[in-house]
Amino acid sequence: MEHLRQRGRPIIVRFAPGAAPPARHGTPRMTPTPPRVLSIAGSDSGGGAGIQADLNTCSALGCFGTTAITAVTAQNTQGVRAVHALPAALVAQQIDAVAEDIGVDAVKIGMLHGPEVVRAVAGALRRHGLRRVVLDPVMVASSGDRLVTDETVAALRSELFPLVMLVTPNLDEAAALLGRPIATVDAMQAAVPELRALGAQAVLIKGGHLVGDVLSDLLIDPEGSTLWQSQRIATRNTHGTGCTLSSAIACGLARGLALREAVAQGRDFVRGALQGAAGWRLGQGPGPLDHGWARHAH
């Protein structure tokens, strides 16, 4: 029943039992509760990577994003100016707060700055029985500089790899994990089984740093291997590509997709975001992706 007014008098409009009143002024209907994706990552003040990219991706893919912030950075498209790491106990408390109330259907893990926070995150995953976990091992800056210590890399391998469904290193990160350079598709194919032997159920090596116009991403999981190849997109705006891919895959897993399908749809989403932002001029350096590209396309 809805009350309207005409010349100052109320008018009562009755609807059939069980019928919803029509939406007024474009008000959307109620929608089902969305899948829940927890991002455990650093904050990017420039908005292109980290939890900002993860939340934008979750929103674009119909998921509800929550966060456990591991570090706060002062950065823009030209580089990182400062990093303030949050205490491991606070990171764990954020995970607990989300998991105990809102719930978690899938997890994306990004920047973990030290062995203590790696162990805290691993403990929280065990404590809450979180299984659909995508680990994007942020270890090497785009300049090639190492961002984490050898002790942190060792903790990632021993503490987190055995707990996650998928690890998504780029070529530099895979090289840091294995201690040797990886610069060709053949080297990727040799490296993925070794990375999987570290404990992860599946490994996706991202070949965005390969030389040439063809990009190759290689997935090895319990069912075998899948190689995706696609044409490189001409754009300078690539900041946050890895964060976006890993969170898009987590969204697919949260929606109930099988791993390979989640990876395939994640890659498609990233390619659309790269194409959508190809003409953007946000900042003087490599800019962000267009996480809302699907809305613009329609």
C-alpha atoms as a PDB file:
ATOM      1  CA  MET A   1       0.000   0.000   0.000  1.00  0.00           C
ATOM      2  CA  GLU A   2       1.362   3.401  -0.911  1.00  0.00           C
ATOM      3  CA  HIS A   3       0.145   6.899   0.076  1.00  0.00           C
ATOM      4  CA  LEU A   4       0.126   9.629  -2.551  1.00  0.00           C
ATOM      5  CA  ARG A   5      -1.365  13.114  -2.452  1.00  0.00           C
ATOM      6  CA  GLN A   6      -3.666  14.921  -4.850  1.00  0.00           C
ATOM      7  CA  ARG A   7      -4.763  18.473  -4.090  1.00  0.00           C
ATOM      8  CA  GLY A   8      -3.737  18.035  -0.488  1.00  0.00           C
ATOM      9  CA  ARG A   9      -5.761  14.871   0.100  1.00  0.00           C
ATOM     10  CA  PRO A  10      -4.140  11.468   0.615  1.00  0.00           C
ATOM     11  CA  ILE A  11      -4.832   8.799  -1.974  1.00  0.00           C
ATOM     12  CA  ILE A  12      -4.364   5.156  -0.984  1.00  0.00           C
ATOM     13  CA  VAL A  13      -3.101   2.877  -3.739  1.00  0.00           C
ATOM     14  CA  ARG A  14      -3.464  -0.841  -3.055  1.00  0.00           C
ATOM     15  CA  PHE A  15      -1.310  -3.486  -4.726  1.00  0.00           C
ATOM     16  CA  ALA A  16      -2.164  -7.134  -5.187  1.00  0.00           C
ATOM     17  CA  PRO A  17      -0.975  -9.407  -2.357  1.00  0.00           C
ATOM     18  CA  GLY A  18       2.724 -10.176  -2.759  1.00  0.00           C
ATOM     19  CA  ALA A  19       3.206  -7.585  -5.514  1.00  0.00           C
ATOM     20  CA  ALA A  20       6.003  -5.034  -5.153  1.00  0.00           C
ATOM     21  CA  PRO A  21       5.202  -1.382  -5.754  1.00  0.00           C
ATOM     22  CA  PRO A  22       6.668   0.090  -8.912  1.00  0.00           C
ATOM     23  CA  ALA A  23      10.005   1.848  -8.631  1.00  0.00           C
ATOM     24  CA  ARG A  24       9.700   5.622  -8.555  1.00  0.00           C
ATOM     25  CA  HIS A  25      12.080   8.113 -10.116  1.00  0.00           C
ATOM     26  CA  GLY A  26      14.396   5.369 -11.371  1.00  0.00           C
ATOM     27  CA  THR A  27      14.845   3.781  -7.939  1.00  0.00           C
ATOM     28  CA  PRO A  28      16.453   0.339  -8.471  1.00  0.00           C
ATOM     29  CA  ARG A  29      14.816  -2.834  -7.274  1.00  0.00           C
ATOM     30  CA  MET A  30      16.328  -4.767  -4.398  1.00  0.00           C
ATOM     31  CA  THR A  31      19.127  -7.018  -5.600  1.00  0.00           C
ATOM     32  CA  PRO A  32      20.444 -10.305  -4.195  1.00  0.00           C
ATOM     33  CA  THR A  33      23.198 -10.174  -1.597  1.00  0.00           C
ATOM     34  CA  PRO A  34      26.481 -10.006  -3.555  1.00  0.00           C
ATOM     35  CA  PRO A  35      29.425 -12.391  -3.169  1.00  0.00           C
ATOM     36  CA  ARG A  36      31.992 -11.125  -0.654  1.00  0.00           C
ATOM     37  CA  VAL A  37      35.658 -10.621  -1.533  1.00  0.00           C
ATOM     38  CA  LEU A  38      38.277  -9.662   1.062  1.00  0.00           C
ATOM     39  CA  SER A  39      41.342  -7.773  -0.173  1.00  0.00           C
ATOM     40  CA  ILE A  40      44.407  -8.018   2.071  1.00  0.00           C
ATOM     41  CA  ALA A  41      46.713  -5.453   0.514  1.00  0.00           C
ATOM     42  CA  GLY A  42      48.297  -2.008   0.688  1.00  0.00           C
ATOM     43  CA  SER A  43      46.625   1.327   0.024  1.00  0.00           C
ATOM     44  CA  ASP A  44      47.605   3.314  -3.088  1.00  0.00           C
ATOM     45  CA  SER A  45      46.946   7.040  -2.641  1.00  0.00           C
ATOM     46  CA  GLY A  46      46.979   7.406  -6.429  1.00  0.00           C
ATOM     47  CA  GLY A  47      43.992   5.068  -6.674  1.00  0.00           C
ATOM     48  CA  GLY A  48      45.376   2.825  -9.416  1.00  0.00           C
ATOM     49  CA  ALA A  49      46.571  -0.238  -7.531  1.00  0.00           C
ATOM     50  CA  GLY A  50      46.275  -1.961  -4.155  1.00  0.00           C
ATOM     51  CA  ILE A  51      42.989  -1.962  -2.291  1.00  0.00           C
ATOM     52  CA  GLN A  52      41.645   0.898  -4.422  1.00  0.00           C
ATOM     53  CA  ALA A  53      41.979  -1.179  -7.598  1.00  0.00           C
ATOM     54  CA  ASP A  54      40.589  -4.212  -5.778  1.00  0.00           C
ATOM     55  CA  LEU A  55      37.476  -2.404  -4.556  1.00  0.00           C
ATOM     56  CA  ASN A  56      36.838  -0.906  -7.994  1.00  0.00           C
ATOM     57  CA  THR A  57      37.166  -4.362  -9.533  1.00  0.00           C
ATOM     58  CA  CYS A  58      34.811  -5.925  -6.992  1.00  0.00           C
ATOM     59  CA  SER A  59      32.203  -3.256  -7.646  1.00  0.00           C
ATOM     60  CA  ALA A  60      32.491  -3.652 -11.419  1.00  0.00           C
ATOM     61  CA  LEU A  61      32.104  -7.436 -11.203  1.00  0.00           C
ATOM     62  CA  GLY A  62      29.114  -7.443  -8.872  1.00  0.00           C
ATOM     63  CA  CYS A  63      30.910  -8.370  -5.652  1.00  0.00           C
ATOM     64  CA  PHE A  64      31.079  -6.637  -2.284  1.00  0.00           C
ATOM     65  CA  GLY A  65      34.645  -5.752  -1.397  1.00  0.00           C
ATOM     66  CA  THR A  66      36.067  -5.594   2.124  1.00  0.00           C
ATOM     67  CA  THR A  67      39.649  -4.846   3.135  1.00  0.00           C
ATOM     68  CA  ALA A  68      42.446  -5.578   5.541  1.00  0.00           C
ATOM     69  CA  ILE A  69      45.011  -2.855   4.887  1.00  0.00           C
ATOM     70  CA  THR A  70      48.618  -3.967   5.310  1.00  0.00           C
ATOM     71  CA  ALA A  71      50.375  -0.685   4.505  1.00  0.00           C
ATOM     72  CA  VAL A  72      49.613   2.915   3.594  1.00  0.00           C
ATOM     73  CA  THR A  73      51.604   4.376   0.726  1.00  0.00           C
ATOM     74  CA  ALA A  74      52.100   7.907  -0.546  1.00  0.00           C
ATOM     75  CA  GLN A  75      52.355   7.445  -4.296  1.00  0.00           C
ATOM     76  CA  ASN A  76      51.206   8.686  -7.661  1.00  0.00           C
ATOM     77  CA  THR A  77      51.783   7.653 -11.267  1.00  0.00           C
ATOM     78  CA  GLN A  78      55.452   8.664 -11.018  1.00  0.00           C
ATOM     79  CA  GLY A  79      56.451   6.555  -8.055  1.00  0.00           C
ATOM     80  CA  VAL A  80      56.199   5.745  -4.357  1.00  0.00           C
ATOM     81  CA  ARG A  81      57.196   8.527  -1.957  1.00  0.00           C
ATOM     82  CA  ALA A  82      56.619   6.850   1.392  1.00  0.00           C
ATOM     83  CA  VAL A  83      55.349   3.599   2.899  1.00  0.00           C
ATOM     84  CA  HIS A  84      53.960   3.099   6.393  1.00  0.00           C
ATOM     85  CA  ALA A  85      53.527  -0.572   7.266  1.00  0.00           C
ATOM     86  CA  LEU A  86      50.738  -1.435   9.688  1.00  0.00           C
ATOM     87  CA  PRO A  87      51.392  -3.821  12.597  1.00  0.00           C
ATOM     88  CA  ALA A  88      50.785  -7.491  11.884  1.00  0.00           C
ATOM     89  CA  ALA A  89      48.344  -7.727  14.806  1.00  0.00           C
ATOM     90  CA  LEU A  90      46.207  -4.936  13.349  1.00  0.00           C
ATOM     91  CA  VAL A  91      46.139  -6.661   9.954  1.00  0.00           C
ATOM     92  CA  ALA A  92      44.928  -9.859  11.634  1.00  0.00           C
ATOM     93  CA  GLN A  93      42.285  -7.936  13.592  1.00  0.00           C
ATOM     94  CA  GLN A  94      40.918  -6.459  10.366  1.00  0.00           C
ATOM     95  CA  ILE A  95      40.592  -9.935   8.847  1.00  0.00           C
ATOM     96  CA  ASP A  96      38.907 -11.236  12.002  1.00  0.00           C
ATOM     97  CA  ALA A  97      36.456  -8.334  12.104  1.00  0.00           C
ATOM     98  CA  VAL A  98      35.351  -8.913   8.509  1.00  0.00           C
ATOM     99  CA  ALA A  99      35.239 -12.704   8.632  1.00  0.00           C
ATOM    100  CA  GLU A 100      33.325 -12.874  11.924  1.00  0.00           C
ATOM    101  CA  ASP A 101      30.555 -10.514  10.802  1.00  0.00           C
ATOM    102  CA  ILE A 102      30.245  -9.903   7.062  1.00  0.00           C
ATOM    103  CA  GLY A 103      31.802 -13.157   5.908  1.00  0.00           C
ATOM    104  CA  VAL A 104      34.224 -13.968   3.090  1.00  0.00           C
ATOM    105  CA  ASP A 105      33.607 -15.940  -0.110  1.00  0.00           C
ATOM    106  CA  ALA A 106      37.072 -15.365  -1.602  1.00  0.00           C
ATOM    107  CA  VAL A 107      40.309 -13.608  -0.687  1.00  0.00           C
ATOM    108  CA  LYS A 108      42.854 -11.643  -2.686  1.00  0.00           C
ATOM    109  CA  ILE A 109      46.246 -11.082  -1.037  1.00  0.00           C
ATOM    110  CA  GLY A 110      48.612  -8.412  -2.302  1.00  0.00           C
ATOM    111  CA  MET A 111      51.382  -6.473  -0.577  1.00  0.00           C
ATOM    112  CA  LEU A 112      52.736  -8.159   2.585  1.00  0.00           C
ATOM    113  CA  HIS A 113      55.702  -6.174   3.865  1.00  0.00           C
ATOM    114  CA  GLY A 114      57.397  -8.572   6.259  1.00  0.00           C
ATOM    115  CA  PRO A 115      57.491 -12.115   7.639  1.00  0.00           C
ATOM    116  CA  GLU A 116      55.444 -11.154  10.700  1.00  0.00           C
ATOM    117  CA  VAL A 117      52.478 -10.005   8.625  1.00  0.00           C
ATOM    118  CA  VAL A 118      52.817 -13.063   6.362  1.00  0.00           C
ATOM    119  CA  ARG A 119      52.504 -15.313   9.408  1.00  0.00           C
ATOM    120  CA  ALA A 120      49.608 -13.237  10.788  1.00  0.00           C
ATOM    121  CA  VAL A 121      47.693 -13.522   7.507  1.00  0.00           C
ATOM    122  CA  ALA A 122      48.393 -17.258   7.287  1.00  0.00           C
ATOM    123  CA  GLY A 123      47.077 -17.697  10.819  1.00  0.00           C
ATOM    124  CA  ALA A 124      43.897 -15.787  10.000  1.00  0.00           C
ATOM    125  CA  LEU A 125      43.285 -17.881   6.871  1.00  0.00           C
ATOM    126  CA  ARG A 126      43.559 -21.046   8.962  1.00  0.00           C
ATOM    127  CA  ARG A 127      41.466 -19.615  11.793  1.00  0.00           C
ATOM    128  CA  HIS A 128      38.534 -18.810   9.520  1.00  0.00           C
ATOM    129  CA  GLY A 129      38.894 -21.740   7.129  1.00  0.00           C
ATOM    130  CA  LEU A 130      39.340 -19.518   4.071  1.00  0.00           C
ATOM    131  CA  ARG A 131      40.114 -21.635   1.001  1.00  0.00           C
ATOM    132  CA  ARG A 132      39.368 -19.579  -2.120  1.00  0.00           C
ATOM    133  CA  VAL A 133      42.528 -17.489  -1.863  1.00  0.00           C
ATOM    134  CA  VAL A 134      44.435 -15.736  -4.667  1.00  0.00           C
ATOM    135  CA  LEU A 135      47.965 -14.597  -3.774  1.00  0.00           C
ATOM    136  CA  ASP A 136      49.546 -11.864  -5.886  1.00  0.00           C
ATOM    137  CA  PRO A 137      53.101 -11.914  -4.486  1.00  0.00           C
ATOM    138  CA  VAL A 138      54.089  -8.238  -4.690  1.00  0.00           C
ATOM    139  CA  MET A 139      57.868  -8.462  -4.385  1.00  0.00           C
ATOM    140  CA  VAL A 140      59.474  -6.480  -7.193  1.00  0.00           C
ATOM    141  CA  ALA A 141      58.835  -2.863  -8.230  1.00  0.00           C
ATOM    142  CA  SER A 142      58.335  -1.916 -11.874  1.00  0.00           C
ATOM    143  CA  SER A 143      61.869  -0.482 -11.730  1.00  0.00           C
ATOM    144  CA  GLY A 144      63.161  -3.978 -10.941  1.00  0.00           C
ATOM    145  CA  ASP A 145      63.999  -3.163  -7.309  1.00  0.00           C
ATOM    146  CA  ARG A 146      63.161  -5.768  -4.656  1.00  0.00           C
ATOM    147  CA  LEU A 147      60.403  -4.602  -2.300  1.00  0.00           C
ATOM    148  CA  VAL A 148      60.704  -7.352   0.316  1.00  0.00           C
ATOM    149  CA  THR A 149      63.515  -9.152   2.117  1.00  0.00           C
ATOM    150  CA  ASP A 150      64.684 -12.704   1.538  1.00  0.00           C
ATOM    151  CA  GLU A 151      63.118 -13.616   4.885  1.00  0.00           C
ATOM    152  CA  THR A 152      59.722 -12.384   3.670  1.00  0.00           C
ATOM    153  CA  VAL A 153      60.037 -14.375   0.439  1.00  0.00           C
ATOM    154  CA  ALA A 154      60.870 -17.478   2.477  1.00  0.00           C
ATOM    155  CA  ALA A 155      57.810 -16.875   4.679  1.00  0.00           C
ATOM    156  CA  LEU A 156      55.586 -16.517   1.629  1.00  0.00           C
ATOM    157  CA  ARG A 157      56.822 -19.841   0.297  1.00  0.00           C
ATOM    158  CA  SER A 158      56.547 -21.761   3.556  1.00  0.00           C
ATOM    159  CA  GLU A 159      53.535 -20.128   5.234  1.00  0.00           C
ATOM    160  CA  LEU A 160      51.175 -18.925   2.501  1.00  0.00           C
ATOM    161  CA  PHE A 161      51.780 -21.027  -0.612  1.00  0.00           C
ATOM    162  CA  PRO A 162      50.343 -24.187   0.984  1.00  0.00           C
ATOM    163  CA  LEU A 163      47.152 -22.312   1.968  1.00  0.00           C
ATOM    164  CA  VAL A 164      46.210 -20.612  -1.302  1.00  0.00           C
ATOM    165  CA  MET A 165      44.306 -21.795  -4.349  1.00  0.00           C
ATOM    166  CA  LEU A 166      46.270 -19.685  -6.860  1.00  0.00           C
ATOM    167  CA  VAL A 167      49.546 -17.723  -6.943  1.00  0.00           C
ATOM    168  CA  THR A 168      49.898 -15.083  -9.699  1.00  0.00           C
ATOM    169  CA  PRO A 169      53.544 -13.952 -10.033  1.00  0.00           C
ATOM    170  CA  ASN A 170      54.792 -11.891 -12.932  1.00  0.00           C
ATOM    171  CA  LEU A 171      58.102 -12.827 -14.507  1.00  0.00           C
ATOM    172  CA  ASP A 172      60.206 -10.800 -12.062  1.00  0.00           C
ATOM    173  CA  GLU A 173      58.384 -12.215  -9.056  1.00  0.00           C
ATOM    174  CA  ALA A 174      58.664 -15.765 -10.371  1.00  0.00           C
ATOM    175  CA  ALA A 175      62.386 -15.186 -10.867  1.00  0.00           C
ATOM    176  CA  ALA A 176      62.707 -13.937  -7.271  1.00  0.00           C
ATOM    177  CA  LEU A 177      60.914 -17.031  -5.983  1.00  0.00           C
ATOM    178  CA  LEU A 178      63.077 -19.450  -7.973  1.00  0.00           C
ATOM    179  CA  GLY A 179      66.359 -17.540  -7.951  1.00  0.00           C
ATOM    180  CA  ARG A 180      66.852 -17.419 -11.725  1.00  0.00           C
ATOM    181  CA  PRO A 181      65.685 -15.197 -14.616  1.00  0.00           C
ATOM    182  CA  ILE A 182      62.579 -16.103 -16.635  1.00  0.00           C
ATOM    183  CA  ALA A 183      62.398 -14.369 -19.982  1.00  0.00           C
ATOM    184  CA  THR A 184      60.717 -16.718 -22.481  1.00  0.00           C
ATOM    185  CA  VAL A 185      57.575 -18.826 -22.782  1.00  0.00           C
ATOM    186  CA  ASP A 186      59.728 -21.960 -22.565  1.00  0.00           C
ATOM    187  CA  ALA A 187      61.243 -20.685 -19.319  1.00  0.00           C
ATOM    188  CA  MET A 188      57.723 -19.984 -18.015  1.00  0.00           C
ATOM    189  CA  GLN A 189      56.664 -23.548 -18.804  1.00  0.00           C
ATOM    190  CA  ALA A 190      59.706 -24.893 -16.931  1.00  0.00           C
ATOM    191  CA  ALA A 191      59.142 -22.591 -13.955  1.00  0.00           C
ATOM    192  CA  VAL A 192      55.441 -23.140 -13.262  1.00  0.00           C
ATOM    193  CA  PRO A 193      55.743 -26.767 -12.027  1.00  0.00           C
ATOM    194  CA  GLU A 194      58.590 -25.719  -9.737  1.00  0.00           C
ATOM    195  CA  LEU A 195      56.494 -22.898  -8.321  1.00  0.00           C
ATOM    196  CA  ARG A 196      53.549 -25.240  -7.816  1.00  0.00           C
ATOM    197  CA  ALA A 197      55.866 -27.634  -6.005  1.00  0.00           C
ATOM    198  CA  LEU A 198      56.250 -24.929  -3.343  1.00  0.00           C
ATOM    199  CA  GLY A 199      52.741 -25.818  -2.182  1.00  0.00           C
ATOM    200  CA  ALA A 200      50.146 -23.790  -4.098  1.00  0.00           C
ATOM    201  CA  GLN A 201      47.308 -25.675  -5.775  1.00  0.00           C
ATOM    202  CA  ALA A 202      47.799 -23.674  -8.979  1.00  0.00           C
ATOM    203  CA  VAL A 203      50.182 -21.080 -10.427  1.00  0.00           C
ATOM    204  CA  LEU A 204      49.506 -18.439 -13.075  1.00  0.00           C
ATOM    205  CA  ILE A 205      52.678 -16.839 -14.455  1.00  0.00           C
ATOM    206  CA  LYS A 206      51.867 -13.506 -16.078  1.00  0.00           C
ATOM    207  CA  GLY A 207      53.947 -12.793 -19.159  1.00  0.00           C
ATOM    208  CA  GLY A 208      53.306  -9.074 -19.502  1.00  0.00           C
ATOM    209  CA  HIS A 209      57.046  -8.360 -19.330  1.00  0.00           C
ATOM    210  CA  LEU A 210      57.893 -10.636 -22.247  1.00  0.00           C
ATOM    211  CA  VAL A 211      59.519  -8.938 -25.227  1.00  0.00           C
ATOM    212  CA  GLY A 212      57.284  -8.629 -28.292  1.00  0.00           C
ATOM    213  CA  ASP A 213      53.686  -7.897 -29.245  1.00  0.00           C
ATOM    214  CA  VAL A 214      52.236 -11.207 -28.069  1.00  0.00           C
ATOM    215  CA  LEU A 215      51.533 -11.649 -24.363  1.00  0.00           C
ATOM    216  CA  SER A 216      51.478 -15.101 -22.801  1.00  0.00           C
ATOM    217  CA  ASP A 217      49.968 -16.149 -19.472  1.00  0.00           C
ATOM    218  CA  LEU A 218      50.477 -19.731 -18.328  1.00  0.00           C
ATOM    219  CA  LEU A 219      48.311 -21.560 -15.770  1.00  0.00           C
ATOM    220  CA  ILE A 220      49.157 -24.918 -14.257  1.00  0.00           C
ATOM    221  CA  ASP A 221      46.626 -26.509 -11.915  1.00  0.00           C
ATOM    222  CA  PRO A 222      45.770 -30.076 -10.861  1.00  0.00           C
ATOM    223  CA  GLU A 223      44.006 -30.640 -14.200  1.00  0.00           C
ATOM    224  CA  GLY A 224      46.955 -29.675 -16.407  1.00  0.00           C
ATOM    225  CA  SER A 225      48.114 -26.482 -18.107  1.00  0.00           C
ATOM    226  CA  THR A 226      46.488 -23.683 -20.085  1.00  0.00           C
ATOM    227  CA  LEU A 227      48.359 -21.093 -22.157  1.00  0.00           C
ATOM    228  CA  TRP A 228      46.594 -17.855 -23.068  1.00  0.00           C
ATOM    229  CA  GLN A 229      48.144 -15.643 -25.736  1.00  0.00           C
ATOM    230  CA  SER A 230      46.863 -12.267 -26.868  1.00  0.00           C
ATOM    231  CA  GLN A 231      48.005  -9.152 -28.666  1.00  0.00           C
ATOM    232  CA  ARG A 232      49.644  -6.467 -26.541  1.00  0.00           C
ATOM    233  CA  ILE A 233      47.428  -3.408 -26.075  1.00  0.00           C
ATOM    234  CA  ALA A 234      49.100  -0.103 -26.942  1.00  0.00           C
ATOM    235  CA  THR A 235      48.758   1.959 -23.765  1.00  0.00           C
ATOM    236  CA  ARG A 236      50.944   3.592 -21.151  1.00  0.00           C
ATOM    237  CA  ASN A 237      48.260   3.136 -18.501  1.00  0.00           C
ATOM    238  CA  THR A 238      49.151  -0.172 -16.883  1.00  0.00           C
ATOM    239  CA  HIS A 239      49.383   0.746 -13.205  1.00  0.00           C
ATOM    240  CA  GLY A 240      47.534  -1.808 -11.093  1.00  0.00           C
ATOM    241  CA  THR A 241      47.236  -4.472 -13.791  1.00  0.00           C
ATOM    242  CA  GLY A 242      48.362  -7.291 -11.487  1.00  0.00           C
ATOM    243  CA  CYS A 243      46.137  -6.140  -8.621  1.00  0.00           C
ATOM    244  CA  THR A 244      43.155  -5.918 -10.938  1.00  0.00           C
ATOM    245  CA  LEU A 245      43.729  -9.373 -12.402  1.00  0.00           C
ATOM    246  CA  SER A 246      44.114 -11.117  -9.047  1.00  0.00           C
ATOM    247  CA  SER A 247      41.046  -9.424  -7.576  1.00  0.00           C
ATOM    248  CA  ALA A 248      39.020 -10.170 -10.729  1.00  0.00           C
ATOM    249  CA  ILE A 249      39.953 -13.845 -10.406  1.00  0.00           C
ATOM    250  CA  ALA A 250      38.934 -13.759  -6.723  1.00  0.00           C
ATOM    251  CA  CYS A 251      35.581 -12.282  -7.772  1.00  0.00           C
ATOM    252  CA  GLY A 252      35.061 -15.175 -10.179  1.00  0.00           C
ATOM    253  CA  LEU A 253      35.860 -17.691  -7.459  1.00  0.00           C
ATOM    254  CA  ALA A 254      33.491 -15.908  -5.072  1.00  0.00           C
ATOM    255  CA  ARG A 255      30.729 -16.234  -7.673  1.00  0.00           C
ATOM    256  CA  GLY A 256      31.350 -19.982  -7.845  1.00  0.00           C
ATOM    257  CA  LEU A 257      33.344 -20.209 -11.075  1.00  0.00           C
ATOM    258  CA  ALA A 258      35.892 -22.972 -11.575  1.00  0.00           C
ATOM    259  CA  LEU A 259      39.491 -21.758 -11.423  1.00  0.00           C
ATOM    260  CA  ARG A 260      40.211 -21.816 -15.164  1.00  0.00           C
ATOM    261  CA  GLU A 261      36.978 -20.001 -15.946  1.00  0.00           C
ATOM    262  CA  ALA A 262      37.717 -17.422 -13.250  1.00  0.00           C
ATOM    263  CA  VAL A 263      41.196 -16.828 -14.721  1.00  0.00           C
ATOM    264  CA  ALA A 264      39.825 -16.530 -18.264  1.00  0.00           C
ATOM    265  CA  GLN A 265      37.147 -14.044 -17.228  1.00  0.00           C
ATOM    266  CA  GLY A 266      39.673 -12.137 -15.132  1.00  0.00           C
ATOM    267  CA  ARG A 267      41.973 -11.775 -18.140  1.00  0.00           C
ATOM    268  CA  ASP A 268      39.073 -10.559 -20.280  1.00  0.00           C
ATOM    269  CA  PHE A 269      38.169  -7.971 -17.656  1.00  0.00           C
ATOM    270  CA  VAL A 270      41.748  -6.669 -17.475  1.00  0.00           C
ATOM    271  CA  ARG A 271      42.028  -6.415 -21.251  1.00  0.00           C
ATOM    272  CA  GLY A 272      38.819  -4.404 -21.353  1.00  0.00           C
ATOM    273  CA  ALA A 273      40.120  -2.149 -18.571  1.00  0.00           C
ATOM    274  CA  LEU A 274      43.409  -1.600 -20.424  1.00  0.00           C
ATOM    275  CA  GLN A 275      41.612  -0.747 -23.657  1.00  0.00           C
ATOM    276  CA  GLY A 276      39.154   1.521 -21.872  1.00  0.00           C
ATOM    277  CA  ALA A 277      41.933   3.605 -20.303  1.00  0.00           C
ATOM    278  CA  ALA A 278      44.262   3.684 -23.321  1.00  0.00           C
ATOM    279  CA  GLY A 279      43.430   7.319 -24.041  1.00  0.00           C
ATOM    280  CA  TRP A 280      43.386   8.553 -20.448  1.00  0.00           C
ATOM    281  CA  ARG A 281      45.813  11.181 -19.194  1.00  0.00           C
ATOM    282  CA  LEU A 282      45.751  10.867 -15.424  1.00  0.00           C
ATOM    283  CA  GLY A 283      49.164  11.871 -14.122  1.00  0.00           C
ATOM    284  CA  GLN A 284      52.558  12.130 -15.757  1.00  0.00           C
ATOM    285  CA  GLY A 285      53.491   8.443 -15.537  1.00  0.00           C
ATOM    286  CA  PRO A 286      51.769   5.105 -16.126  1.00  0.00           C
ATOM    287  CA  GLY A 287      48.154   5.728 -15.204  1.00  0.00           C
ATOM    288  CA  PRO A 288      45.379   3.497 -13.861  1.00  0.00           C
ATOM    289  CA  LEU A 289      43.032   1.150 -15.675  1.00  0.00           C
ATOM    290  CA  ASP A 290      39.382   1.813 -16.488  1.00  0.00           C
ATOM    291  CA  HIS A 291      37.648  -0.511 -14.033  1.00  0.00           C
ATOM    292  CA  GLY A 292      34.263   0.774 -15.177  1.00  0.00           C
ATOM    293  CA  TRP A 293      34.810  -0.054 -18.851  1.00  0.00           C
ATOM    294  CA  ALA A 294      31.910  -2.517 -19.016  1.00  0.00           C
ATOM    295  CA  ARG A 295      29.416   0.212 -18.009  1.00  0.00           C
ATOM    296  CA  HIS A 296      30.777   2.537 -20.700  1.00  0.00           C
ATOM    297  CA  ALA A 297      30.594  -0.227 -23.309  1.00  0.00           C
ATOM    298  CA  HIS A 298      26.846  -0.480 -22.725  1.00  0.00           C
END
